[in-house]
C-alpha atoms as a PDB file:
ATOM      1  CA  MET A   1      29.118  -4.072  27.425  1.00  0.00           C
ATOM      2  CA  ALA A   2      27.253  -6.719  25.516  1.00  0.00           C
ATOM      3  CA  ALA A   3      25.352  -7.805  28.588  1.00  0.00           C
ATOM      4  CA  LEU A   4      24.220  -4.125  29.064  1.00  0.00           C
ATOM      5  CA  LYS A   5      22.379  -4.195  25.806  1.00  0.00           C
ATOM      6  CA  GLY A   6      20.187  -6.996  27.073  1.00  0.00           C
ATOM      7  CA  ILE A   7      19.526  -5.297  30.434  1.00  0.00           C
ATOM      8  CA  ASP A   8      18.803  -1.905  28.691  1.00  0.00           C
ATOM      9  CA  MET A   9      16.544  -3.545  26.116  1.00  0.00           C
ATOM     10  CA  ARG A  10      14.630  -5.354  29.066  1.00  0.00           C
ATOM     11  CA  ASP A  11      14.096  -2.066  30.926  1.00  0.00           C
ATOM     12  CA  LYS A  12      12.881  -0.373  27.799  1.00  0.00           C
ATOM     13  CA  LEU A  13      10.522  -3.201  27.068  1.00  0.00           C
ATOM     14  CA  LEU A  14       9.285  -3.233  30.696  1.00  0.00           C
ATOM     15  CA  SER A  15       8.673   0.489  30.608  1.00  0.00           C
ATOM     16  CA  MET A  16       6.968   0.544  27.173  1.00  0.00           C
ATOM     17  CA  GLY A  17       3.210   1.265  27.390  1.00  0.00           C
ATOM     18  CA  SER A  18       0.620  -1.036  25.912  1.00  0.00           C
ATOM     19  CA  PHE A  19      -0.482   1.555  23.375  1.00  0.00           C
ATOM     20  CA  ASP A  20       2.901   2.061  21.901  1.00  0.00           C
ATOM     21  CA  ALA A  21       3.406  -1.749  21.860  1.00  0.00           C
ATOM     22  CA  GLN A  22       0.049  -2.219  19.937  1.00  0.00           C
ATOM     23  CA  GLN A  23       0.957   0.627  17.399  1.00  0.00           C
ATOM     24  CA  SER A  24       4.312  -1.021  16.671  1.00  0.00           C
ATOM     25  CA  ALA A  25       2.854  -4.407  16.227  1.00  0.00           C
ATOM     26  CA  PHE A  26       0.174  -2.937  13.901  1.00  0.00           C
ATOM     27  CA  ALA A  27       2.821  -1.120  11.827  1.00  0.00           C
ATOM     28  CA  LEU A  28       4.801  -4.368  11.531  1.00  0.00           C
ATOM     29  CA  LEU A  29       1.806  -6.521  10.510  1.00  0.00           C
ATOM     30  CA  ASP A  30       0.782  -3.737   8.032  1.00  0.00           C
ATOM     31  CA  LYS A  31       3.887  -4.391   6.118  1.00  0.00           C
ATOM     32  CA  LEU A  32       3.942  -8.268   6.636  1.00  0.00           C
ATOM     33  CA  GLN A  33       0.402  -8.667   5.275  1.00  0.00           C
ATOM     34  CA  ARG A  34       1.539  -8.090   1.752  1.00  0.00           C
ATOM     35  CA  LEU A  35       3.445 -11.448   1.873  1.00  0.00           C
ATOM     36  CA  PRO A  36       2.016 -14.872   1.523  1.00  0.00           C
ATOM     37  CA  LYS A  37       0.965 -16.405   4.957  1.00  0.00           C
ATOM     38  CA  HIS A  38       3.806 -18.783   5.385  1.00  0.00           C
ATOM     39  CA  LYS A  39       6.293 -15.969   4.537  1.00  0.00           C
ATOM     40  CA  GLN A  40       4.691 -13.536   7.065  1.00  0.00           C
ATOM     41  CA  ILE A  41       5.334 -16.190   9.833  1.00  0.00           C
ATOM     42  CA  MET A  42       8.892 -16.790   8.825  1.00  0.00           C
ATOM     43  CA  ALA A  43       9.560 -13.176   8.294  1.00  0.00           C
ATOM     44  CA  ALA A  44       8.217 -12.213  11.798  1.00  0.00           C
ATOM     45  CA  SER A  45      10.051 -15.183  13.477  1.00  0.00           C
ATOM     46  CA  LEU A  46      13.363 -14.574  11.818  1.00  0.00           C
ATOM     47  CA  THR A  47      13.278 -10.871  12.447  1.00  0.00           C
ATOM     48  CA  PHE A  48      12.244 -11.424  16.096  1.00  0.00           C
ATOM     49  CA  LEU A  49      15.195 -13.865  16.554  1.00  0.00           C
ATOM     50  CA  LEU A  50      17.760 -11.659  14.993  1.00  0.00           C
ATOM     51  CA  LEU A  51      16.603  -8.670  17.091  1.00  0.00           C
ATOM     52  CA  CYS A  52      16.855 -10.694  20.186  1.00  0.00           C
ATOM     53  CA  LYS A  53      20.313 -11.992  19.308  1.00  0.00           C
ATOM     54  CA  GLN A  54      21.572  -8.481  18.438  1.00  0.00           C
ATOM     55  CA  THR A  55      20.440  -6.974  21.679  1.00  0.00           C
ATOM     56  CA  LYS A  56      21.391  -9.965  23.782  1.00  0.00           C
ATOM     57  CA  MET A  57      17.736 -10.376  24.867  1.00  0.00           C
ATOM     58  CA  ASN A  58      16.493 -13.934  25.740  1.00  0.00           C
ATOM     59  CA  PRO A  59      13.781 -14.722  23.253  1.00  0.00           C
ATOM     60  CA  ARG A  60      11.707 -16.543  25.749  1.00  0.00           C
ATOM     61  CA  GLU A  61      11.832 -13.562  28.096  1.00  0.00           C
ATOM     62  CA  ALA A  62      10.739 -11.295  25.305  1.00  0.00           C
ATOM     63  CA  ILE A  63       7.880 -13.583  24.562  1.00  0.00           C
ATOM     64  CA  GLU A  64       6.866 -13.610  28.304  1.00  0.00           C
ATOM     65  CA  LEU A  65       6.971  -9.856  28.388  1.00  0.00           C
ATOM     66  CA  ALA A  66       4.713  -9.851  25.150  1.00  0.00           C
ATOM     67  CA  GLU A  67       2.259 -12.156  26.818  1.00  0.00           C
ATOM     68  CA  ARG A  68       1.962  -9.797  29.717  1.00  0.00           C
ATOM     69  CA  VAL A  69       1.419  -6.835  27.308  1.00  0.00           C
ATOM     70  CA  LEU A  70      -1.284  -8.814  25.392  1.00  0.00           C
ATOM     71  CA  THR A  71      -3.142  -9.618  28.551  1.00  0.00           C
ATOM     72  CA  ASP A  72      -3.002  -5.976  29.665  1.00  0.00           C
ATOM     73  CA  CYS A  73      -4.142  -4.783  26.346  1.00  0.00           C
ATOM     74  CA  LEU A  74      -7.095  -7.192  26.267  1.00  0.00           C
ATOM     75  CA  SER A  75      -8.073  -6.796  29.891  1.00  0.00           C
ATOM     76  CA  LYS A  76      -8.177  -2.981  30.252  1.00  0.00           C
ATOM     77  CA  GLY A  77     -10.348  -2.190  27.214  1.00  0.00           C
ATOM     78  CA  ARG A  78      -7.694  -0.102  25.507  1.00  0.00           C
ATOM     79  CA  GLY A  79      -6.631  -2.781  23.037  1.00  0.00           C
ATOM     80  CA  ASP A  80      -8.094  -1.262  19.773  1.00  0.00           C
ATOM     81  CA  HIS A  81      -5.019  -2.102  17.749  1.00  0.00           C
ATOM     82  CA  ILE A  82      -4.468  -5.420  19.376  1.00  0.00           C
ATOM     83  CA  ARG A  83      -8.127  -6.381  18.555  1.00  0.00           C
ATOM     84  CA  ALA A  84      -7.551  -5.313  14.938  1.00  0.00           C
ATOM     85  CA  LEU A  85      -4.361  -7.475  14.869  1.00  0.00           C
ATOM     86  CA  LYS A  86      -6.235 -10.402  16.370  1.00  0.00           C
ATOM     87  CA  ASN A  87      -9.095 -10.018  13.939  1.00  0.00           C
ATOM     88  CA  TYR A  88      -6.768 -10.000  10.908  1.00  0.00           C
ATOM     89  CA  ILE A  89      -4.865 -12.974  12.142  1.00  0.00           C
ATOM     90  CA  ASP A  90      -8.066 -14.936  12.970  1.00  0.00           C
ATOM     91  CA  LYS A  91      -9.740 -14.227   9.589  1.00  0.00           C
ATOM     92  CA  GLU A  92      -6.739 -13.886   7.245  1.00  0.00           C
ATOM     93  CA  LEU A  93      -4.132 -16.362   8.353  1.00  0.00           C
END
């Protein structure tokens, strides 16, 4: 049953559209930006790791999927949220 969590999560991540992924990341960063910079990084990293462990998702695989989504967002011109995120990170962190 535990292995199914990872498989189910992977399937959901693979089928998630780039717009939904961008909106989710934007909502998370919106909350994180109230923290000092070093706490933002630790909060995001720790939360990511705990989520991966809970769902039995390999963190490296999750990062690879995120890389593909990022590339997709930036290459197809539909990355308004990702560009805003990138702009915040480039200028504020």
